[in-house]
N, C-alpha and C. Protein backbone atom coordinates (compact mmCIF):
# COMPACT_ATOMS: atom_id res chain seq x y z
N UNK A 1 -7.09 -74.24 67.66
CA UNK A 1 -6.34 -73.28 66.89
C UNK A 1 -7.08 -72.92 65.60
N UNK A 2 -7.61 -73.94 64.93
CA UNK A 2 -8.34 -73.73 63.69
C UNK A 2 -9.62 -72.94 63.96
N UNK A 3 -10.25 -73.24 65.08
CA UNK A 3 -11.48 -72.56 65.44
C UNK A 3 -11.21 -71.08 65.76
N UNK A 4 -10.11 -70.82 66.40
CA UNK A 4 -9.73 -69.44 66.75
C UNK A 4 -9.38 -68.65 65.47
N UNK A 5 -8.71 -69.28 64.53
CA UNK A 5 -8.36 -68.62 63.27
C UNK A 5 -9.62 -68.29 62.48
N UNK A 6 -10.59 -69.19 62.48
CA UNK A 6 -11.86 -68.94 61.80
C UNK A 6 -12.60 -67.77 62.44
N UNK A 7 -12.53 -67.69 63.77
CA UNK A 7 -13.20 -66.61 64.50
C UNK A 7 -12.55 -65.26 64.15
N UNK A 8 -11.22 -65.22 64.13
CA UNK A 8 -10.50 -63.99 63.78
C UNK A 8 -10.80 -63.60 62.33
N UNK A 9 -10.80 -64.58 61.45
CA UNK A 9 -11.10 -64.32 60.04
C UNK A 9 -12.53 -63.79 59.88
N UNK A 10 -13.48 -64.34 60.61
CA UNK A 10 -14.87 -63.89 60.55
C UNK A 10 -14.98 -62.45 61.05
N UNK A 11 -14.25 -62.12 62.11
CA UNK A 11 -14.27 -60.75 62.64
C UNK A 11 -13.67 -59.77 61.62
N UNK A 12 -12.58 -60.18 60.99
CA UNK A 12 -11.95 -59.32 59.98
C UNK A 12 -12.89 -59.10 58.79
N UNK A 13 -13.55 -60.16 58.35
CA UNK A 13 -14.49 -60.03 57.25
C UNK A 13 -15.67 -59.13 57.63
N UNK A 14 -16.13 -59.26 58.87
CA UNK A 14 -17.24 -58.43 59.35
C UNK A 14 -16.83 -56.95 59.37
N UNK A 15 -15.61 -56.67 59.86
CA UNK A 15 -15.12 -55.29 59.92
C UNK A 15 -14.94 -54.73 58.50
N UNK A 16 -14.41 -55.55 57.60
CA UNK A 16 -14.23 -55.10 56.22
C UNK A 16 -15.57 -54.81 55.57
N UNK A 17 -16.54 -55.67 55.82
CA UNK A 17 -17.87 -55.49 55.25
C UNK A 17 -18.52 -54.22 55.80
N UNK A 18 -18.41 -53.99 57.09
CA UNK A 18 -19.00 -52.77 57.67
C UNK A 18 -18.26 -51.53 57.18
N UNK A 19 -16.94 -51.63 56.97
CA UNK A 19 -16.18 -50.50 56.43
C UNK A 19 -16.60 -50.18 55.00
N UNK A 20 -16.81 -51.22 54.22
CA UNK A 20 -17.27 -51.01 52.84
C UNK A 20 -18.66 -50.41 52.83
N UNK A 21 -19.54 -50.90 53.70
CA UNK A 21 -20.89 -50.34 53.79
C UNK A 21 -20.85 -48.86 54.18
N UNK A 22 -19.97 -48.52 55.13
CA UNK A 22 -19.85 -47.12 55.56
C UNK A 22 -19.32 -46.26 54.41
N UNK A 23 -18.35 -46.77 53.67
CA UNK A 23 -17.79 -46.02 52.54
C UNK A 23 -18.84 -45.81 51.46
N UNK A 24 -19.64 -46.84 51.18
CA UNK A 24 -20.69 -46.72 50.17
C UNK A 24 -21.74 -45.71 50.61
N UNK A 25 -22.17 -45.77 51.86
CA UNK A 25 -23.18 -44.82 52.33
C UNK A 25 -22.63 -43.39 52.34
N UNK A 26 -21.35 -43.24 52.69
CA UNK A 26 -20.72 -41.91 52.65
C UNK A 26 -20.69 -41.40 51.21
N UNK A 27 -20.30 -42.27 50.28
CA UNK A 27 -20.24 -41.87 48.87
C UNK A 27 -21.62 -41.49 48.35
N UNK A 28 -22.63 -42.26 48.72
CA UNK A 28 -23.99 -41.96 48.28
C UNK A 28 -24.47 -40.63 48.85
N UNK A 29 -24.07 -40.33 50.07
CA UNK A 29 -24.48 -39.06 50.68
C UNK A 29 -23.79 -37.88 50.00
N UNK A 30 -22.61 -38.10 49.43
CA UNK A 30 -21.84 -37.02 48.81
C UNK A 30 -22.19 -36.79 47.34
N UNK A 31 -22.90 -37.72 46.71
CA UNK A 31 -23.18 -37.61 45.28
C UNK A 31 -23.91 -36.31 44.91
N UNK A 32 -24.96 -35.89 45.62
CA UNK A 32 -25.61 -34.63 45.23
C UNK A 32 -24.67 -33.42 45.31
N UNK A 33 -23.83 -33.38 46.33
CA UNK A 33 -22.89 -32.27 46.46
C UNK A 33 -21.85 -32.29 45.34
N UNK A 34 -21.37 -33.48 45.00
CA UNK A 34 -20.39 -33.61 43.91
C UNK A 34 -21.01 -33.19 42.58
N UNK A 35 -22.24 -33.59 42.33
CA UNK A 35 -22.92 -33.22 41.09
C UNK A 35 -23.12 -31.70 41.03
N UNK A 36 -23.51 -31.11 42.16
CA UNK A 36 -23.68 -29.66 42.20
C UNK A 36 -22.36 -28.94 41.91
N UNK A 37 -21.27 -29.42 42.50
CA UNK A 37 -19.96 -28.80 42.26
C UNK A 37 -19.53 -28.98 40.80
N UNK A 38 -19.81 -30.14 40.23
CA UNK A 38 -19.48 -30.39 38.82
C UNK A 38 -20.24 -29.43 37.91
N UNK A 39 -21.54 -29.29 38.16
CA UNK A 39 -22.34 -28.38 37.35
C UNK A 39 -21.86 -26.94 37.50
N UNK A 40 -21.57 -26.53 38.72
CA UNK A 40 -21.11 -25.17 38.96
C UNK A 40 -19.78 -24.91 38.27
N UNK A 41 -18.85 -25.86 38.38
CA UNK A 41 -17.53 -25.71 37.75
C UNK A 41 -17.66 -25.58 36.23
N UNK A 42 -18.41 -26.50 35.62
CA UNK A 42 -18.55 -26.47 34.16
C UNK A 42 -19.32 -25.23 33.70
N UNK A 43 -20.30 -24.79 34.49
CA UNK A 43 -21.05 -23.58 34.17
C UNK A 43 -20.12 -22.37 34.13
N UNK A 44 -19.33 -22.19 35.19
CA UNK A 44 -18.44 -21.03 35.28
C UNK A 44 -17.36 -21.10 34.20
N UNK A 45 -16.79 -22.28 33.99
CA UNK A 45 -15.74 -22.42 32.97
C UNK A 45 -16.28 -22.07 31.58
N UNK A 46 -17.46 -22.58 31.25
CA UNK A 46 -18.05 -22.30 29.94
C UNK A 46 -18.43 -20.83 29.81
N UNK A 47 -18.95 -20.25 30.87
CA UNK A 47 -19.34 -18.84 30.84
C UNK A 47 -18.12 -17.94 30.66
N UNK A 48 -17.03 -18.24 31.35
CA UNK A 48 -15.80 -17.44 31.21
C UNK A 48 -15.26 -17.55 29.78
N UNK A 49 -15.25 -18.75 29.23
CA UNK A 49 -14.75 -18.93 27.86
C UNK A 49 -15.63 -18.16 26.86
N UNK A 50 -16.94 -18.16 27.07
CA UNK A 50 -17.84 -17.43 26.18
C UNK A 50 -17.61 -15.93 26.29
N UNK A 51 -17.44 -15.43 27.51
CA UNK A 51 -17.20 -14.00 27.71
C UNK A 51 -15.88 -13.58 27.06
N UNK A 52 -14.84 -14.40 27.23
CA UNK A 52 -13.55 -14.09 26.60
C UNK A 52 -13.68 -14.08 25.08
N UNK A 53 -14.40 -15.06 24.53
CA UNK A 53 -14.58 -15.12 23.07
C UNK A 53 -15.34 -13.89 22.57
N UNK A 54 -16.40 -13.52 23.28
CA UNK A 54 -17.17 -12.35 22.85
C UNK A 54 -16.37 -11.05 23.02
N UNK A 55 -15.58 -10.97 24.08
CA UNK A 55 -14.79 -9.76 24.31
C UNK A 55 -13.65 -9.63 23.31
N UNK A 56 -13.21 -10.73 22.74
CA UNK A 56 -12.11 -10.66 21.78
C UNK A 56 -12.58 -10.19 20.40
N UNK A 57 -13.86 -10.23 20.14
CA UNK A 57 -14.36 -9.84 18.82
C UNK A 57 -14.10 -8.36 18.51
N UNK A 58 -14.45 -7.41 19.41
CA UNK A 58 -14.15 -6.01 19.09
C UNK A 58 -12.65 -5.74 18.95
N UNK A 59 -11.84 -6.40 19.77
CA UNK A 59 -10.39 -6.23 19.67
C UNK A 59 -9.88 -6.73 18.32
N UNK A 60 -10.38 -7.88 17.89
CA UNK A 60 -9.96 -8.43 16.60
C UNK A 60 -10.41 -7.53 15.45
N UNK A 61 -11.61 -6.99 15.54
CA UNK A 61 -12.10 -6.09 14.48
C UNK A 61 -11.22 -4.85 14.42
N UNK A 62 -10.85 -4.30 15.58
CA UNK A 62 -9.99 -3.12 15.61
C UNK A 62 -8.62 -3.42 15.00
N UNK A 63 -8.04 -4.57 15.35
CA UNK A 63 -6.73 -4.94 14.80
C UNK A 63 -6.82 -5.14 13.29
N UNK A 64 -7.85 -5.82 12.83
CA UNK A 64 -8.00 -6.07 11.39
C UNK A 64 -8.17 -4.76 10.64
N UNK A 65 -9.01 -3.88 11.17
CA UNK A 65 -9.22 -2.59 10.49
C UNK A 65 -7.95 -1.76 10.44
N UNK A 66 -7.19 -1.77 11.54
CA UNK A 66 -5.97 -0.96 11.56
C UNK A 66 -4.89 -1.55 10.64
N UNK A 67 -4.85 -2.86 10.51
CA UNK A 67 -3.84 -3.49 9.67
C UNK A 67 -4.20 -3.44 8.19
N UNK A 68 -5.48 -3.40 7.88
CA UNK A 68 -5.90 -3.38 6.47
C UNK A 68 -5.92 -1.97 5.88
N UNK A 69 -5.79 -0.94 6.73
CA UNK A 69 -5.78 0.43 6.24
C UNK A 69 -4.50 0.71 5.47
N UNK A 70 -4.65 1.30 4.34
CA UNK A 70 -3.50 1.67 3.51
C UNK A 70 -3.33 3.19 3.65
N UNK A 71 -2.45 3.60 4.56
CA UNK A 71 -2.29 5.01 4.89
C UNK A 71 -1.06 5.57 4.18
N UNK A 72 -1.30 6.60 3.36
CA UNK A 72 -0.18 7.24 2.67
C UNK A 72 0.46 8.24 3.63
N UNK A 73 1.80 8.12 3.78
CA UNK A 73 2.50 9.00 4.73
C UNK A 73 3.50 9.92 4.04
N UNK A 74 3.50 9.94 2.75
CA UNK A 74 4.42 10.84 2.04
C UNK A 74 4.82 10.28 0.69
N UNK A 75 5.96 10.76 0.22
CA UNK A 75 6.49 10.36 -1.09
C UNK A 75 7.85 9.72 -0.86
N UNK A 76 8.12 8.63 -1.59
CA UNK A 76 9.41 7.97 -1.47
C UNK A 76 10.47 8.87 -2.08
N UNK A 77 11.47 9.18 -1.27
CA UNK A 77 12.55 10.06 -1.72
C UNK A 77 13.82 9.25 -1.91
N UNK A 78 14.88 9.66 -1.23
CA UNK A 78 16.17 9.02 -1.39
C UNK A 78 16.34 7.75 -0.57
N UNK A 79 15.36 7.39 0.27
CA UNK A 79 15.54 6.22 1.13
C UNK A 79 15.22 4.90 0.43
N UNK A 80 14.54 4.92 -0.68
CA UNK A 80 14.16 3.69 -1.36
C UNK A 80 15.03 3.42 -2.57
N UNK A 81 14.57 2.49 -3.38
CA UNK A 81 15.26 2.19 -4.63
C UNK A 81 15.07 3.36 -5.59
N UNK A 82 15.94 3.45 -6.54
CA UNK A 82 15.88 4.59 -7.46
C UNK A 82 14.61 4.58 -8.30
N UNK A 83 14.11 3.42 -8.65
CA UNK A 83 12.90 3.36 -9.48
C UNK A 83 11.63 3.63 -8.67
N UNK A 84 11.73 3.66 -7.32
CA UNK A 84 10.57 3.97 -6.49
C UNK A 84 10.46 5.46 -6.19
N UNK A 85 11.46 6.25 -6.55
CA UNK A 85 11.47 7.69 -6.24
C UNK A 85 10.24 8.36 -6.84
N UNK A 86 9.61 9.16 -6.02
CA UNK A 86 8.44 9.90 -6.47
C UNK A 86 7.13 9.17 -6.28
N UNK A 87 7.17 7.87 -5.99
CA UNK A 87 5.94 7.11 -5.74
C UNK A 87 5.45 7.37 -4.31
N UNK A 88 4.16 7.16 -4.06
CA UNK A 88 3.66 7.37 -2.70
C UNK A 88 4.27 6.37 -1.72
N UNK A 89 4.48 6.83 -0.48
CA UNK A 89 5.02 5.99 0.59
C UNK A 89 3.88 5.71 1.57
N UNK A 90 3.76 4.45 1.98
CA UNK A 90 2.67 4.04 2.85
C UNK A 90 3.21 3.56 4.20
N UNK A 91 2.37 3.63 5.22
CA UNK A 91 2.74 3.09 6.53
C UNK A 91 2.74 1.57 6.43
N UNK A 92 3.82 0.94 6.88
CA UNK A 92 3.91 -0.52 6.81
C UNK A 92 3.00 -1.16 7.86
N UNK A 93 2.25 -2.16 7.45
CA UNK A 93 1.41 -2.94 8.36
C UNK A 93 1.64 -4.41 8.06
N UNK A 94 0.85 -5.27 8.70
CA UNK A 94 0.96 -6.69 8.41
C UNK A 94 0.40 -7.03 7.03
N UNK A 95 -0.39 -6.14 6.46
CA UNK A 95 -1.02 -6.39 5.17
C UNK A 95 -0.30 -5.63 4.05
N UNK A 96 0.09 -4.39 4.30
CA UNK A 96 0.67 -3.54 3.26
C UNK A 96 2.13 -3.22 3.57
N UNK A 97 2.95 -3.22 2.53
CA UNK A 97 4.36 -2.83 2.70
C UNK A 97 4.49 -1.32 2.47
N UNK A 98 5.69 -0.79 2.62
CA UNK A 98 5.90 0.66 2.51
C UNK A 98 5.61 1.22 1.12
N UNK A 99 5.68 0.36 0.10
CA UNK A 99 5.43 0.85 -1.26
C UNK A 99 4.01 0.56 -1.75
N UNK A 100 3.13 0.08 -0.87
CA UNK A 100 1.73 -0.13 -1.23
C UNK A 100 1.41 -1.51 -1.74
N UNK A 101 2.39 -2.40 -1.80
CA UNK A 101 2.14 -3.77 -2.24
C UNK A 101 1.79 -4.64 -1.03
N UNK A 102 1.21 -5.80 -1.33
CA UNK A 102 0.87 -6.72 -0.24
C UNK A 102 2.15 -7.20 0.44
N UNK A 103 2.09 -7.20 1.76
CA UNK A 103 3.22 -7.65 2.57
C UNK A 103 3.20 -9.18 2.63
N UNK A 104 4.34 -9.86 2.59
CA UNK A 104 4.34 -11.32 2.71
C UNK A 104 3.80 -11.81 4.06
N UNK A 105 3.76 -10.93 5.06
CA UNK A 105 3.23 -11.32 6.37
C UNK A 105 1.71 -11.47 6.38
N UNK A 106 1.07 -11.19 5.25
CA UNK A 106 -0.38 -11.32 5.19
C UNK A 106 -0.81 -12.78 5.33
N UNK A 107 0.02 -13.72 4.88
CA UNK A 107 -0.34 -15.14 4.99
C UNK A 107 -0.35 -15.63 6.44
N UNK A 108 0.71 -15.40 7.24
CA UNK A 108 0.61 -15.81 8.64
C UNK A 108 -0.47 -15.04 9.40
N UNK A 109 -0.65 -13.76 9.04
CA UNK A 109 -1.71 -12.97 9.67
C UNK A 109 -3.07 -13.59 9.38
N UNK A 110 -3.28 -14.01 8.15
CA UNK A 110 -4.53 -14.68 7.78
C UNK A 110 -4.70 -16.01 8.48
N UNK A 111 -3.60 -16.76 8.65
CA UNK A 111 -3.68 -18.05 9.34
C UNK A 111 -4.05 -17.86 10.80
N UNK A 112 -3.45 -16.87 11.45
CA UNK A 112 -3.78 -16.58 12.85
C UNK A 112 -5.23 -16.12 12.96
N UNK A 113 -5.65 -15.31 12.03
CA UNK A 113 -7.04 -14.84 12.02
C UNK A 113 -8.01 -16.00 11.84
N UNK A 114 -7.70 -16.92 10.96
CA UNK A 114 -8.55 -18.09 10.74
C UNK A 114 -8.59 -18.99 11.98
N UNK A 115 -7.46 -19.18 12.64
CA UNK A 115 -7.42 -19.98 13.87
C UNK A 115 -8.24 -19.32 14.96
N UNK A 116 -8.11 -18.00 15.09
CA UNK A 116 -8.89 -17.28 16.10
C UNK A 116 -10.39 -17.40 15.80
N UNK A 117 -10.76 -17.20 14.55
CA UNK A 117 -12.17 -17.26 14.17
C UNK A 117 -12.75 -18.65 14.43
N UNK A 118 -12.01 -19.70 14.11
CA UNK A 118 -12.53 -21.05 14.34
C UNK A 118 -12.65 -21.35 15.83
N UNK A 119 -11.73 -20.85 16.65
CA UNK A 119 -11.84 -21.10 18.09
C UNK A 119 -13.01 -20.32 18.69
N UNK A 120 -13.23 -19.10 18.24
CA UNK A 120 -14.37 -18.33 18.74
C UNK A 120 -15.68 -19.00 18.33
N UNK A 121 -15.76 -19.46 17.10
CA UNK A 121 -16.98 -20.15 16.65
C UNK A 121 -17.20 -21.45 17.42
N UNK A 122 -16.12 -22.17 17.73
CA UNK A 122 -16.25 -23.41 18.50
C UNK A 122 -16.77 -23.13 19.91
N UNK A 123 -16.29 -22.06 20.52
CA UNK A 123 -16.75 -21.71 21.88
C UNK A 123 -18.20 -21.26 21.84
N UNK A 124 -18.54 -20.43 20.87
CA UNK A 124 -19.90 -19.89 20.81
C UNK A 124 -20.92 -20.92 20.32
N UNK A 125 -20.48 -21.95 19.61
CA UNK A 125 -21.40 -22.97 19.11
C UNK A 125 -21.81 -23.95 20.20
N UNK A 126 -21.06 -24.01 21.29
CA UNK A 126 -21.38 -24.95 22.36
C UNK A 126 -21.49 -24.21 23.69
N UNK A 127 -22.60 -23.51 23.91
CA UNK A 127 -22.74 -22.79 25.18
C UNK A 127 -23.19 -23.73 26.30
N UNK A 128 -22.24 -24.44 26.88
CA UNK A 128 -22.57 -25.40 27.95
C UNK A 128 -23.20 -24.69 29.14
N UNK A 129 -22.82 -23.45 29.39
CA UNK A 129 -23.39 -22.72 30.52
C UNK A 129 -24.90 -22.55 30.35
N UNK A 130 -25.34 -22.34 29.12
CA UNK A 130 -26.77 -22.18 28.86
C UNK A 130 -27.50 -23.51 29.06
N UNK A 131 -26.88 -24.59 28.62
CA UNK A 131 -27.48 -25.92 28.80
C UNK A 131 -27.57 -26.27 30.28
N UNK A 132 -26.53 -25.94 31.06
CA UNK A 132 -26.56 -26.22 32.50
C UNK A 132 -27.63 -25.38 33.18
N UNK A 133 -27.80 -24.16 32.73
CA UNK A 133 -28.78 -23.27 33.34
C UNK A 133 -30.21 -23.70 33.02
N UNK A 134 -30.46 -24.05 31.75
CA UNK A 134 -31.83 -24.36 31.33
C UNK A 134 -32.20 -25.83 31.49
N UNK A 135 -31.26 -26.74 31.26
CA UNK A 135 -31.56 -28.18 31.30
C UNK A 135 -30.40 -28.93 31.96
N UNK A 136 -30.25 -28.81 33.28
CA UNK A 136 -29.10 -29.46 33.93
C UNK A 136 -29.14 -30.98 33.84
N UNK A 137 -30.32 -31.58 33.86
CA UNK A 137 -30.39 -33.04 33.78
C UNK A 137 -29.93 -33.53 32.40
N UNK A 138 -30.33 -32.81 31.36
CA UNK A 138 -29.87 -33.16 30.02
C UNK A 138 -28.35 -33.04 29.93
N UNK A 139 -27.80 -31.98 30.53
CA UNK A 139 -26.34 -31.81 30.51
C UNK A 139 -25.66 -32.97 31.24
N UNK A 140 -26.21 -33.38 32.38
CA UNK A 140 -25.60 -34.49 33.13
C UNK A 140 -25.66 -35.79 32.34
N UNK A 141 -26.76 -36.03 31.64
CA UNK A 141 -26.86 -37.24 30.82
C UNK A 141 -25.82 -37.21 29.70
N UNK A 142 -25.68 -36.07 29.03
CA UNK A 142 -24.68 -35.95 27.97
C UNK A 142 -23.27 -36.05 28.52
N UNK A 143 -23.04 -35.49 29.70
CA UNK A 143 -21.71 -35.56 30.33
C UNK A 143 -21.37 -37.00 30.69
N UNK A 144 -22.35 -37.72 31.25
CA UNK A 144 -22.12 -39.13 31.60
C UNK A 144 -21.87 -39.96 30.34
N UNK A 145 -22.60 -39.66 29.27
CA UNK A 145 -22.39 -40.39 28.02
C UNK A 145 -21.01 -40.12 27.44
N UNK A 146 -20.53 -38.88 27.59
CA UNK A 146 -19.18 -38.58 27.08
C UNK A 146 -18.11 -39.27 27.91
N UNK A 147 -18.38 -39.50 29.19
CA UNK A 147 -17.42 -40.23 30.03
C UNK A 147 -17.39 -41.71 29.69
N UNK A 148 -18.50 -42.24 29.19
CA UNK A 148 -18.57 -43.67 28.86
C UNK A 148 -17.81 -43.98 27.58
N UNK A 149 -17.61 -42.99 26.72
CA UNK A 149 -16.93 -43.23 25.44
C UNK A 149 -15.47 -43.50 25.63
């Protein structure tokens, strides 16, 4: 009985060992494909983020220019306060109020602008797509080092 149990245990260990060997060899065969897919994914993701950041610059410039313009649209008549009568009337924007003074919304507008600018600079300062294209081995070493942290 003891001899038969040892034989069954030896067979199970042999099957487990061969299964582990097969899994290791399969994993080793898949490593180049996995690395290629990782590089391709990070390349495309970084490139899309860079394109979006660059495309948002003209839109942001247009919005800033349109909001900072102080456009006179007439004279304040009976719709305003009595002491404003006869003064120029301006188109309200995020920066200027109807009477030509700074609008209180300029502070949140500036905060959003600062957040946008910092995110665009962060994306443009780290062009991972360029690193993957020119030096993929360097990118893989840096990526592996970031995973170890």
